[in-house]
Amino acid sequence: MIKMTRVMIGAKPRSRLHKRLMKLSIRINMLLGGEKDQTFSARNHERKRQGLPNVSWLIDLLLGENHCLLCWVNWKVRTRET
């Protein structure tokens, strides 16, 4: 049932490595003063929106175009904040 739901909504199953890297990103972000359950990428996009210094351009360059934006949207949906 879960696999079928993923196929229906287009979500890709995440590997263990991906999950661990996300947890690491969240921990690093919290150590730097970020919000709970927010990844480092999402935080940098938030800082970009606020006109604060950020490295979202570098993260997007390394991980793909709009990576930070997608992480930020995912974080907003998870926390139900808009």
Protein backbone atom coordinates (compact mmCIF):
# COMPACT_ATOMS: atom_id res chain seq x y z
CA MET A 1 0.00 0.00 0.00
CA ILE A 2 2.80 2.45 0.89
CA LYS A 3 4.66 1.76 -2.35
CA MET A 4 1.49 2.30 -4.33
CA THR A 5 0.84 5.60 -2.54
CA ARG A 6 4.38 6.77 -3.33
CA VAL A 7 3.87 5.93 -6.99
CA MET A 8 0.53 7.75 -7.04
CA ILE A 9 1.91 10.97 -5.55
CA GLY A 10 5.28 10.73 -7.28
CA ALA A 11 7.38 10.57 -4.09
CA LYS A 12 10.64 8.68 -4.28
CA PRO A 13 11.54 6.23 -1.51
CA ARG A 14 14.46 7.56 0.53
CA SER A 15 17.58 5.57 1.23
CA ARG A 16 19.10 5.19 4.68
CA LEU A 17 21.96 7.43 3.62
CA HIS A 18 19.55 10.16 2.54
CA LYS A 19 17.70 9.98 5.87
CA ARG A 20 20.96 10.15 7.82
CA LEU A 21 22.18 13.13 5.80
CA MET A 22 18.89 14.94 6.47
CA LYS A 23 19.22 14.29 10.21
CA LEU A 24 22.79 15.56 10.10
CA SER A 25 21.67 18.70 8.25
CA ILE A 26 18.97 19.33 10.87
CA ARG A 27 21.47 18.87 13.72
CA ILE A 28 24.00 21.23 12.15
CA ASN A 29 21.26 23.78 11.59
CA MET A 30 20.10 23.55 15.23
CA LEU A 31 23.68 23.96 16.47
CA LEU A 32 23.89 27.15 14.41
CA GLY A 33 20.65 28.48 15.90
CA GLY A 34 18.10 27.26 13.37
CA GLU A 35 14.57 26.13 14.05
CA LYS A 36 13.47 22.63 15.00
CA ASP A 37 13.20 20.15 12.09
CA GLN A 38 14.58 22.71 9.62
CA THR A 39 17.41 21.61 7.36
CA PHE A 40 20.45 23.77 6.73
CA SER A 41 19.27 24.26 3.13
CA ALA A 42 15.80 25.41 4.20
CA ARG A 43 17.33 27.81 6.69
CA ASN A 44 19.53 29.34 4.03
CA HIS A 45 16.55 29.89 1.75
CA GLU A 46 14.71 31.54 4.66
CA ARG A 47 17.69 33.82 5.22
CA LYS A 48 17.73 34.65 1.50
CA ARG A 49 14.03 35.60 1.68
CA GLN A 50 14.79 37.86 4.65
CA GLY A 51 17.70 39.54 2.87
CA LEU A 52 20.26 38.12 5.32
CA PRO A 53 23.66 36.65 4.40
CA ASN A 54 23.29 33.08 3.12
CA VAL A 55 25.00 30.36 1.13
CA SER A 56 21.94 29.12 -0.74
CA TRP A 57 23.62 29.91 -4.07
CA LEU A 58 26.45 27.52 -3.17
CA ILE A 59 24.12 24.78 -1.93
CA ASP A 60 22.01 25.09 -5.10
CA LEU A 61 25.15 24.94 -7.21
CA LEU A 62 26.30 21.73 -5.50
CA LEU A 63 22.95 19.96 -5.01
CA GLY A 64 20.91 21.23 -7.93
CA GLU A 65 18.90 24.23 -8.99
CA ASN A 66 16.27 25.33 -6.44
CA HIS A 67 17.37 22.73 -3.88
CA CYS A 68 17.09 25.24 -1.02
CA LEU A 69 13.68 26.43 -2.21
CA LEU A 70 12.36 22.87 -2.35
CA CYS A 71 13.73 22.14 1.13
CA TRP A 72 12.13 25.32 2.46
CA VAL A 73 8.74 24.44 0.92
CA ASN A 74 8.97 20.91 2.32
CA TRP A 75 9.80 22.29 5.78
CA LYS A 76 6.89 24.77 5.64
CA VAL A 77 4.47 22.01 4.64
CA ARG A 78 5.73 19.73 7.42
CA THR A 79 5.39 22.44 10.06
CA ARG A 80 2.11 23.75 8.61
CA GLU A 81 3.37 27.33 8.53
CA THR A 82 2.82 29.64 5.59
